[in-house]
Amino acid sequence: MISITSAQLHTWIAAFIWPMTRILGLMALAPLYNSGNIPARVKVGLSFLIAMIVAPSVPAMPAMDPMSLPGLLILAQQLVIGLAMGLAMRIAFAAVEMAGTITGLTMGLGFATFFDPQSEGQSSAISQLFALLMIMVYLAANIHLVVLSTLVDSFTTLPISATPFEGDRLKQAVAWGGRIFSSGLQLSLPLITALLITNLALGILTRAAPQLNLFGIGFPITIGAGFVMVALSLPYMTTPLLRLMEEAITTMQQFTAASLPPIR
């Protein structure tokens, strides 16, 4: 007769619930997987299937009741790890969206806002364009699969344990958040420079011919010049976007590394 003890049952449940919690955390924030167009049942089902595949290869975990206080603390820890990994890639997308917002404001299209299903908020038209470009590069380069691969590798580099992870890991995730502003400005800087030259030329033209209506001709010229610069810069944005996503993957790997590198 086969007999199963409560300790064995707790171990089997924990060996599946804890990895699935980390996976669900990543699914909640990682681009594409967190899309509002994907039903919650599909996300949970995908997390369930990944957990079934990953669970047999996960290193040995603490033998404890998953519903006890230490077990719930491990559950919360796995959720934080998954959320931090998903947030690392989401920050890369936020940087691109910020570049589009800055460009749109400089062009004079700050009033043209739409509902963004990714962030579930309002974003400018240029920001939407850059976000679509980012998601196409994200899919074309199979970064969405690299994200899952990094998640699976994290169970080996940062095993599930009852030991709390260091505070430096959270500091590293916060430090990566600053790239929203630096990368967003770097991506939009060529367009801002071209629009600044356009505005300077309009200012000189208005000074030389005061009878010209600056508001009548300046607004369409600025928007037209902005669209021309966006069209010219789109073919060259693939490289910086890929580099930004590679840095996000590196940040995910560093966050789950066995030994932390120094915070930049």
C-alpha atoms as a PDB file:
ATOM      1  CA  MET A   1       0.000   0.000   0.000  1.00  0.00           C
ATOM      2  CA  ILE A   2       1.318   3.421  -0.947  1.00  0.00           C
ATOM      3  CA  SER A   3       1.436   5.878   1.928  1.00  0.00           C
ATOM      4  CA  ILE A   4       2.134   9.581   1.600  1.00  0.00           C
ATOM      5  CA  THR A   5       3.108  11.616   4.607  1.00  0.00           C
ATOM      6  CA  SER A   6       2.103  15.230   5.129  1.00  0.00           C
ATOM      7  CA  ALA A   7       5.770  16.287   4.880  1.00  0.00           C
ATOM      8  CA  GLN A   8       6.050  14.720   1.428  1.00  0.00           C
ATOM      9  CA  LEU A   9       2.811  16.369   0.333  1.00  0.00           C
ATOM     10  CA  HIS A  10       4.025  19.775   1.527  1.00  0.00           C
ATOM     11  CA  THR A  11       7.314  19.286  -0.331  1.00  0.00           C
ATOM     12  CA  TRP A  12       5.539  18.439  -3.595  1.00  0.00           C
ATOM     13  CA  ILE A  13       3.183  21.406  -3.310  1.00  0.00           C
ATOM     14  CA  ALA A  14       6.006  23.799  -2.441  1.00  0.00           C
ATOM     15  CA  ALA A  15       8.150  22.486  -5.324  1.00  0.00           C
ATOM     16  CA  PHE A  16       5.433  23.654  -7.720  1.00  0.00           C
ATOM     17  CA  ILE A  17       3.901  26.712  -6.003  1.00  0.00           C
ATOM     18  CA  TRP A  18       7.139  28.591  -5.318  1.00  0.00           C
ATOM     19  CA  PRO A  19       8.538  28.434  -8.890  1.00  0.00           C
ATOM     20  CA  MET A  20       5.118  29.291 -10.302  1.00  0.00           C
ATOM     21  CA  THR A  21       4.944  32.385  -8.070  1.00  0.00           C
ATOM     22  CA  ARG A  22       8.228  33.698  -9.508  1.00  0.00           C
ATOM     23  CA  ILE A  23       6.946  33.029 -13.021  1.00  0.00           C
ATOM     24  CA  LEU A  24       3.642  34.792 -12.308  1.00  0.00           C
ATOM     25  CA  GLY A  25       5.559  37.798 -10.977  1.00  0.00           C
ATOM     26  CA  LEU A  26       7.440  38.122 -14.251  1.00  0.00           C
ATOM     27  CA  MET A  27       4.258  37.636 -16.282  1.00  0.00           C
ATOM     28  CA  ALA A  28       2.622  40.482 -14.363  1.00  0.00           C
ATOM     29  CA  LEU A  29       5.150  43.118 -15.523  1.00  0.00           C
ATOM     30  CA  ALA A  30       7.191  41.803 -18.464  1.00  0.00           C
ATOM     31  CA  PRO A  31       6.232  43.414 -21.806  1.00  0.00           C
ATOM     32  CA  LEU A  32       4.014  41.363 -24.115  1.00  0.00           C
ATOM     33  CA  TYR A  33       3.138  38.919 -21.334  1.00  0.00           C
ATOM     34  CA  ASN A  34       1.442  41.632 -19.257  1.00  0.00           C
ATOM     35  CA  SER A  35      -0.693  42.850 -22.145  1.00  0.00           C
ATOM     36  CA  GLY A  36      -4.271  43.606 -21.196  1.00  0.00           C
ATOM     37  CA  ASN A  37      -5.391  41.939 -24.432  1.00  0.00           C
ATOM     38  CA  ILE A  38      -4.286  38.556 -23.072  1.00  0.00           C
ATOM     39  CA  PRO A  39      -6.893  37.054 -20.712  1.00  0.00           C
ATOM     40  CA  ALA A  40      -5.780  36.382 -17.152  1.00  0.00           C
ATOM     41  CA  ARG A  41      -6.624  32.687 -17.583  1.00  0.00           C
ATOM     42  CA  VAL A  42      -4.165  32.419 -20.462  1.00  0.00           C
ATOM     43  CA  LYS A  43      -1.415  34.048 -18.392  1.00  0.00           C
ATOM     44  CA  VAL A  44      -2.055  31.749 -15.444  1.00  0.00           C
ATOM     45  CA  GLY A  45      -2.230  28.744 -17.770  1.00  0.00           C
ATOM     46  CA  LEU A  46       1.078  29.658 -19.425  1.00  0.00           C
ATOM     47  CA  SER A  47       2.689  30.134 -16.003  1.00  0.00           C
ATOM     48  CA  PHE A  48       1.298  26.735 -14.957  1.00  0.00           C
ATOM     49  CA  LEU A  49       2.789  25.012 -18.012  1.00  0.00           C
ATOM     50  CA  ILE A  50       6.193  26.697 -17.567  1.00  0.00           C
ATOM     51  CA  ALA A  51       6.186  25.752 -13.876  1.00  0.00           C
ATOM     52  CA  MET A  52       5.443  22.115 -14.763  1.00  0.00           C
ATOM     53  CA  ILE A  53       8.413  22.084 -17.141  1.00  0.00           C
ATOM     54  CA  VAL A  54      10.784  23.925 -14.800  1.00  0.00           C
ATOM     55  CA  ALA A  55       9.853  22.328 -11.461  1.00  0.00           C
ATOM     56  CA  PRO A  56      11.674  18.962 -11.970  1.00  0.00           C
ATOM     57  CA  SER A  57      14.991  20.747 -12.687  1.00  0.00           C
ATOM     58  CA  VAL A  58      14.788  23.298  -9.857  1.00  0.00           C
ATOM     59  CA  PRO A  59      17.494  22.766  -7.185  1.00  0.00           C
ATOM     60  CA  ALA A  60      16.496  21.363  -3.813  1.00  0.00           C
ATOM     61  CA  MET A  61      14.198  23.655  -1.850  1.00  0.00           C
ATOM     62  CA  PRO A  62      13.523  24.005   1.882  1.00  0.00           C
ATOM     63  CA  ALA A  63      11.342  21.231   3.266  1.00  0.00           C
ATOM     64  CA  MET A  64       8.576  23.126   5.021  1.00  0.00           C
ATOM     65  CA  ASP A  65       4.859  23.717   4.940  1.00  0.00           C
ATOM     66  CA  PRO A  66       4.154  26.288   2.168  1.00  0.00           C
ATOM     67  CA  MET A  67       1.256  27.667   4.251  1.00  0.00           C
ATOM     68  CA  SER A  68       3.401  28.291   7.346  1.00  0.00           C
ATOM     69  CA  LEU A  69       4.853  31.725   8.058  1.00  0.00           C
ATOM     70  CA  PRO A  70       8.343  30.856   6.697  1.00  0.00           C
ATOM     71  CA  GLY A  71       6.696  29.271   3.659  1.00  0.00           C
ATOM     72  CA  LEU A  72       4.626  32.398   2.982  1.00  0.00           C
ATOM     73  CA  LEU A  73       7.749  34.550   3.339  1.00  0.00           C
ATOM     74  CA  ILE A  74       9.456  32.423   0.677  1.00  0.00           C
ATOM     75  CA  LEU A  75       6.343  32.823  -1.482  1.00  0.00           C
ATOM     76  CA  ALA A  76       6.512  36.625  -1.111  1.00  0.00           C
ATOM     77  CA  GLN A  77      10.239  36.557  -1.886  1.00  0.00           C
ATOM     78  CA  GLN A  78       9.672  34.653  -5.124  1.00  0.00           C
ATOM     79  CA  LEU A  79       6.966  37.121  -6.124  1.00  0.00           C
ATOM     80  CA  VAL A  80       9.337  40.062  -5.551  1.00  0.00           C
ATOM     81  CA  ILE A  81      12.055  38.372  -7.619  1.00  0.00           C
ATOM     82  CA  GLY A  82       9.677  37.759 -10.519  1.00  0.00           C
ATOM     83  CA  LEU A  83       8.303  41.310 -10.367  1.00  0.00           C
ATOM     84  CA  ALA A  84      11.823  42.767 -10.328  1.00  0.00           C
ATOM     85  CA  MET A  85      12.827  40.738 -13.389  1.00  0.00           C
ATOM     86  CA  GLY A  86       9.728  41.799 -15.296  1.00  0.00           C
ATOM     87  CA  LEU A  87      10.188  45.411 -14.207  1.00  0.00           C
ATOM     88  CA  ALA A  88      13.736  45.445 -15.584  1.00  0.00           C
ATOM     89  CA  MET A  89      12.445  44.863 -19.116  1.00  0.00           C
ATOM     90  CA  ARG A  90       9.431  47.125 -18.607  1.00  0.00           C
ATOM     91  CA  ILE A  91      11.789  49.995 -17.738  1.00  0.00           C
ATOM     92  CA  ALA A  92      13.458  49.615 -21.145  1.00  0.00           C
ATOM     93  CA  PHE A  93      10.059  50.077 -22.803  1.00  0.00           C
ATOM     94  CA  ALA A  94       9.269  53.022 -20.530  1.00  0.00           C
ATOM     95  CA  ALA A  95      12.503  54.719 -21.648  1.00  0.00           C
ATOM     96  CA  VAL A  96      11.458  54.435 -25.296  1.00  0.00           C
ATOM     97  CA  GLU A  97       7.994  55.748 -24.499  1.00  0.00           C
ATOM     98  CA  MET A  98       9.538  58.692 -22.663  1.00  0.00           C
ATOM     99  CA  ALA A  99      11.669  59.439 -25.732  1.00  0.00           C
ATOM    100  CA  GLY A 100       8.488  59.570 -27.793  1.00  0.00           C
ATOM    101  CA  THR A 101       6.797  61.823 -25.236  1.00  0.00           C
ATOM    102  CA  ILE A 102       9.715  64.279 -25.254  1.00  0.00           C
ATOM    103  CA  THR A 103       9.782  64.293 -29.048  1.00  0.00           C
ATOM    104  CA  GLY A 104       6.032  64.832 -29.275  1.00  0.00           C
ATOM    105  CA  LEU A 105       6.151  67.754 -26.855  1.00  0.00           C
ATOM    106  CA  THR A 106       8.984  69.374 -28.814  1.00  0.00           C
ATOM    107  CA  MET A 107       7.065  68.929 -32.079  1.00  0.00           C
ATOM    108  CA  GLY A 108       3.924  70.469 -30.597  1.00  0.00           C
ATOM    109  CA  LEU A 109       1.952  67.222 -30.513  1.00  0.00           C
ATOM    110  CA  GLY A 110       1.687  67.069 -26.748  1.00  0.00           C
ATOM    111  CA  PHE A 111      -2.091  67.406 -27.032  1.00  0.00           C
ATOM    112  CA  ALA A 112      -2.401  64.320 -29.284  1.00  0.00           C
ATOM    113  CA  THR A 113      -2.771  61.579 -26.679  1.00  0.00           C
ATOM    114  CA  PHE A 114      -4.228  58.096 -26.942  1.00  0.00           C
ATOM    115  CA  PHE A 115      -4.982  55.226 -24.601  1.00  0.00           C
ATOM    116  CA  ASP A 116      -1.984  52.923 -24.259  1.00  0.00           C
ATOM    117  CA  PRO A 117      -3.046  49.303 -23.568  1.00  0.00           C
ATOM    118  CA  GLN A 118       0.447  48.443 -22.314  1.00  0.00           C
ATOM    119  CA  SER A 119       0.578  51.025 -19.516  1.00  0.00           C
ATOM    120  CA  GLU A 120      -3.224  51.430 -19.337  1.00  0.00           C
ATOM    121  CA  GLY A 121      -2.805  55.193 -19.410  1.00  0.00           C
ATOM    122  CA  GLN A 122      -2.591  58.121 -21.800  1.00  0.00           C
ATOM    123  CA  SER A 123       0.431  58.486 -24.062  1.00  0.00           C
ATOM    124  CA  SER A 124       1.312  60.742 -26.973  1.00  0.00           C
ATOM    125  CA  ALA A 125       1.076  59.732 -30.621  1.00  0.00           C
ATOM    126  CA  ILE A 126       4.854  59.694 -31.115  1.00  0.00           C
ATOM    127  CA  SER A 127       5.240  57.694 -27.927  1.00  0.00           C
ATOM    128  CA  GLN A 128       2.806  55.115 -29.318  1.00  0.00           C
ATOM    129  CA  LEU A 129       4.815  54.974 -32.549  1.00  0.00           C
ATOM    130  CA  PHE A 130       8.063  54.361 -30.673  1.00  0.00           C
ATOM    131  CA  ALA A 131       6.387  51.763 -28.451  1.00  0.00           C
ATOM    132  CA  LEU A 132       5.149  49.865 -31.521  1.00  0.00           C
ATOM    133  CA  LEU A 133       8.655  49.973 -32.990  1.00  0.00           C
ATOM    134  CA  MET A 134      10.056  48.676 -29.699  1.00  0.00           C
ATOM    135  CA  ILE A 135       7.605  45.768 -29.522  1.00  0.00           C
ATOM    136  CA  MET A 136       8.362  44.801 -33.140  1.00  0.00           C
ATOM    137  CA  VAL A 137      12.108  44.742 -32.437  1.00  0.00           C
ATOM    138  CA  TYR A 138      11.331  42.866 -29.197  1.00  0.00           C
ATOM    139  CA  LEU A 139       9.545  40.129 -31.135  1.00  0.00           C
ATOM    140  CA  ALA A 140      11.830  40.094 -34.189  1.00  0.00           C
ATOM    141  CA  ALA A 141      14.934  39.596 -32.023  1.00  0.00           C
ATOM    142  CA  ASN A 142      13.168  36.917 -29.893  1.00  0.00           C
ATOM    143  CA  ILE A 143      13.845  38.907 -26.736  1.00  0.00           C
ATOM    144  CA  HIS A 144      10.557  37.592 -25.306  1.00  0.00           C
ATOM    145  CA  LEU A 145      12.075  34.113 -25.429  1.00  0.00           C
ATOM    146  CA  VAL A 146      15.341  35.342 -23.929  1.00  0.00           C
ATOM    147  CA  VAL A 147      13.317  36.747 -21.018  1.00  0.00           C
ATOM    148  CA  LEU A 148      11.842  33.303 -20.352  1.00  0.00           C
ATOM    149  CA  SER A 149      15.266  31.702 -20.684  1.00  0.00           C
ATOM    150  CA  THR A 150      16.696  34.162 -18.161  1.00  0.00           C
ATOM    151  CA  LEU A 151      13.811  33.369 -15.822  1.00  0.00           C
ATOM    152  CA  VAL A 152      14.481  29.638 -16.035  1.00  0.00           C
ATOM    153  CA  ASP A 153      18.223  30.162 -15.446  1.00  0.00           C
ATOM    154  CA  SER A 154      17.447  32.281 -12.386  1.00  0.00           C
ATOM    155  CA  PHE A 155      16.273  29.185 -10.489  1.00  0.00           C
ATOM    156  CA  THR A 156      19.871  27.926 -10.704  1.00  0.00           C
ATOM    157  CA  THR A 157      21.728  31.189 -10.108  1.00  0.00           C
ATOM    158  CA  LEU A 158      19.349  32.335  -7.336  1.00  0.00           C
ATOM    159  CA  PRO A 159      17.800  29.150  -5.901  1.00  0.00           C
ATOM    160  CA  ILE A 160      14.642  29.173  -3.840  1.00  0.00           C
ATOM    161  CA  SER A 161      15.657  29.317  -0.177  1.00  0.00           C
ATOM    162  CA  ALA A 162      14.510  30.652   3.171  1.00  0.00           C
ATOM    163  CA  THR A 163      17.474  33.056   3.310  1.00  0.00           C
ATOM    164  CA  PRO A 164      16.392  36.640   2.555  1.00  0.00           C
ATOM    165  CA  PHE A 165      18.218  38.150  -0.412  1.00  0.00           C
ATOM    166  CA  GLU A 166      20.470  41.131   0.089  1.00  0.00           C
ATOM    167  CA  GLY A 167      19.173  44.681   0.022  1.00  0.00           C
ATOM    168  CA  ASP A 168      21.735  45.461  -2.679  1.00  0.00           C
ATOM    169  CA  ARG A 169      19.593  43.536  -5.144  1.00  0.00           C
ATOM    170  CA  LEU A 170      16.706  45.944  -4.645  1.00  0.00           C
ATOM    171  CA  LYS A 171      19.126  48.894  -4.851  1.00  0.00           C
ATOM    172  CA  GLN A 172      20.313  47.526  -8.187  1.00  0.00           C
ATOM    173  CA  ALA A 173      16.743  47.377  -9.489  1.00  0.00           C
ATOM    174  CA  VAL A 174      16.128  50.963  -8.348  1.00  0.00           C
ATOM    175  CA  ALA A 175      19.382  52.135  -9.950  1.00  0.00           C
ATOM    176  CA  TRP A 176      18.281  50.585 -13.254  1.00  0.00           C
ATOM    177  CA  GLY A 177      15.095  52.652 -13.037  1.00  0.00           C
ATOM    178  CA  GLY A 178      17.163  55.775 -13.683  1.00  0.00           C
ATOM    179  CA  ARG A 179      17.699  54.580 -17.238  1.00  0.00           C
ATOM    180  CA  ILE A 180      14.163  55.703 -18.039  1.00  0.00           C
ATOM    181  CA  PHE A 181      15.383  59.298 -18.040  1.00  0.00           C
ATOM    182  CA  SER A 182      18.923  58.887 -19.393  1.00  0.00           C
ATOM    183  CA  SER A 183      18.019  56.484 -22.222  1.00  0.00           C
ATOM    184  CA  GLY A 184      14.839  58.400 -23.047  1.00  0.00           C
ATOM    185  CA  LEU A 185      16.818  61.612 -23.425  1.00  0.00           C
ATOM    186  CA  GLN A 186      19.556  59.928 -25.469  1.00  0.00           C
ATOM    187  CA  LEU A 187      17.045  58.416 -27.903  1.00  0.00           C
ATOM    188  CA  SER A 188      15.206  61.707 -28.393  1.00  0.00           C
ATOM    189  CA  LEU A 189      18.274  63.974 -28.461  1.00  0.00           C
ATOM    190  CA  PRO A 190      18.825  63.917 -32.272  1.00  0.00           C
ATOM    191  CA  LEU A 191      15.174  64.786 -32.878  1.00  0.00           C
ATOM    192  CA  ILE A 192      15.209  67.505 -30.218  1.00  0.00           C
ATOM    193  CA  THR A 193      18.337  69.014 -31.763  1.00  0.00           C
ATOM    194  CA  ALA A 194      16.778  69.125 -35.234  1.00  0.00           C
ATOM    195  CA  LEU A 195      13.594  70.694 -33.878  1.00  0.00           C
ATOM    196  CA  LEU A 196      15.602  73.222 -31.891  1.00  0.00           C
ATOM    197  CA  ILE A 197      17.378  74.289 -35.084  1.00  0.00           C
ATOM    198  CA  THR A 198      13.975  74.571 -36.771  1.00  0.00           C
ATOM    199  CA  ASN A 199      12.649  76.791 -33.989  1.00  0.00           C
ATOM    200  CA  LEU A 200      15.773  78.957 -34.122  1.00  0.00           C
ATOM    201  CA  ALA A 201      15.342  79.374 -37.877  1.00  0.00           C
ATOM    202  CA  LEU A 202      11.709  80.360 -37.371  1.00  0.00           C
ATOM    203  CA  GLY A 203      12.748  82.842 -34.711  1.00  0.00           C
ATOM    204  CA  ILE A 204      15.301  84.444 -37.022  1.00  0.00           C
ATOM    205  CA  LEU A 205      12.749  84.520 -39.846  1.00  0.00           C
ATOM    206  CA  THR A 206      10.190  86.226 -37.633  1.00  0.00           C
ATOM    207  CA  ARG A 207      12.780  88.758 -36.497  1.00  0.00           C
ATOM    208  CA  ALA A 208      13.716  89.547 -40.087  1.00  0.00           C
ATOM    209  CA  ALA A 209      10.090  89.733 -41.266  1.00  0.00           C
ATOM    210  CA  PRO A 210       7.843  90.769 -38.337  1.00  0.00           C
ATOM    211  CA  GLN A 211       4.764  90.807 -40.564  1.00  0.00           C
ATOM    212  CA  LEU A 212       4.870  87.009 -40.770  1.00  0.00           C
ATOM    213  CA  ASN A 213       2.473  85.217 -38.439  1.00  0.00           C
ATOM    214  CA  LEU A 214       4.718  82.916 -36.420  1.00  0.00           C
ATOM    215  CA  PHE A 215       1.786  80.963 -34.964  1.00  0.00           C
ATOM    216  CA  GLY A 216       0.296  80.553 -38.422  1.00  0.00           C
ATOM    217  CA  ILE A 217       3.384  79.129 -40.150  1.00  0.00           C
ATOM    218  CA  GLY A 218       5.534  77.942 -37.247  1.00  0.00           C
ATOM    219  CA  PHE A 219       3.201  75.268 -35.962  1.00  0.00           C
ATOM    220  CA  PRO A 220       2.814  73.270 -39.231  1.00  0.00           C
ATOM    221  CA  ILE A 221       6.501  73.730 -40.069  1.00  0.00           C
ATOM    222  CA  THR A 222       7.561  72.375 -36.673  1.00  0.00           C
ATOM    223  CA  ILE A 223       5.213  69.387 -36.945  1.00  0.00           C
ATOM    224  CA  GLY A 224       6.275  68.698 -40.535  1.00  0.00           C
ATOM    225  CA  ALA A 225       9.972  68.893 -39.654  1.00  0.00           C
ATOM    226  CA  GLY A 226       9.362  66.598 -36.700  1.00  0.00           C
ATOM    227  CA  PHE A 227       7.669  63.955 -38.830  1.00  0.00           C
ATOM    228  CA  VAL A 228      10.478  64.150 -41.395  1.00  0.00           C
ATOM    229  CA  MET A 229      13.103  63.661 -38.678  1.00  0.00           C
ATOM    230  CA  VAL A 230      11.158  60.769 -37.157  1.00  0.00           C
ATOM    231  CA  ALA A 231      10.934  59.103 -40.584  1.00  0.00           C
ATOM    232  CA  LEU A 232      14.662  59.585 -41.162  1.00  0.00           C
ATOM    233  CA  SER A 233      15.652  58.318 -37.707  1.00  0.00           C
ATOM    234  CA  LEU A 234      13.446  55.199 -37.553  1.00  0.00           C
ATOM    235  CA  PRO A 235      15.801  52.979 -39.624  1.00  0.00           C
ATOM    236  CA  TYR A 236      18.687  53.840 -37.289  1.00  0.00           C
ATOM    237  CA  MET A 237      16.833  53.220 -34.017  1.00  0.00           C
ATOM    238  CA  THR A 238      17.032  49.439 -34.168  1.00  0.00           C
ATOM    239  CA  THR A 239      20.594  49.300 -32.844  1.00  0.00           C
ATOM    240  CA  PRO A 240      20.048  51.473 -29.743  1.00  0.00           C
ATOM    241  CA  LEU A 241      16.774  49.688 -28.994  1.00  0.00           C
ATOM    242  CA  LEU A 242      18.485  46.283 -29.148  1.00  0.00           C
ATOM    243  CA  ARG A 243      21.297  47.582 -26.953  1.00  0.00           C
ATOM    244  CA  LEU A 244      18.769  48.854 -24.425  1.00  0.00           C
ATOM    245  CA  MET A 245      16.998  45.481 -24.307  1.00  0.00           C
ATOM    246  CA  GLU A 246      20.338  43.679 -23.946  1.00  0.00           C
ATOM    247  CA  GLU A 247      21.139  45.899 -20.974  1.00  0.00           C
ATOM    248  CA  ALA A 248      17.740  45.019 -19.490  1.00  0.00           C
ATOM    249  CA  ILE A 249      18.504  41.299 -19.879  1.00  0.00           C
ATOM    250  CA  THR A 250      21.914  41.860 -18.263  1.00  0.00           C
ATOM    251  CA  THR A 251      20.211  43.639 -15.366  1.00  0.00           C
ATOM    252  CA  MET A 252      17.854  40.682 -14.916  1.00  0.00           C
ATOM    253  CA  GLN A 253      20.825  38.321 -14.865  1.00  0.00           C
ATOM    254  CA  GLN A 254      22.733  40.502 -12.398  1.00  0.00           C
ATOM    255  CA  PHE A 255      19.722  40.752 -10.098  1.00  0.00           C
ATOM    256  CA  THR A 256      19.517  36.953  -9.878  1.00  0.00           C
ATOM    257  CA  ALA A 257      23.279  36.335  -9.886  1.00  0.00           C
ATOM    258  CA  ALA A 258      24.899  34.377  -7.075  1.00  0.00           C
ATOM    259  CA  SER A 259      27.309  37.269  -6.347  1.00  0.00           C
ATOM    260  CA  LEU A 260      26.274  40.837  -7.039  1.00  0.00           C
ATOM    261  CA  PRO A 261      28.451  43.103  -9.209  1.00  0.00           C
ATOM    262  CA  PRO A 262      29.083  46.644  -7.947  1.00  0.00           C
ATOM    263  CA  ILE A 263      26.189  49.058  -8.447  1.00  0.00           C
ATOM    264  CA  ARG A 264      26.921  51.604 -11.156  1.00  0.00           C
END
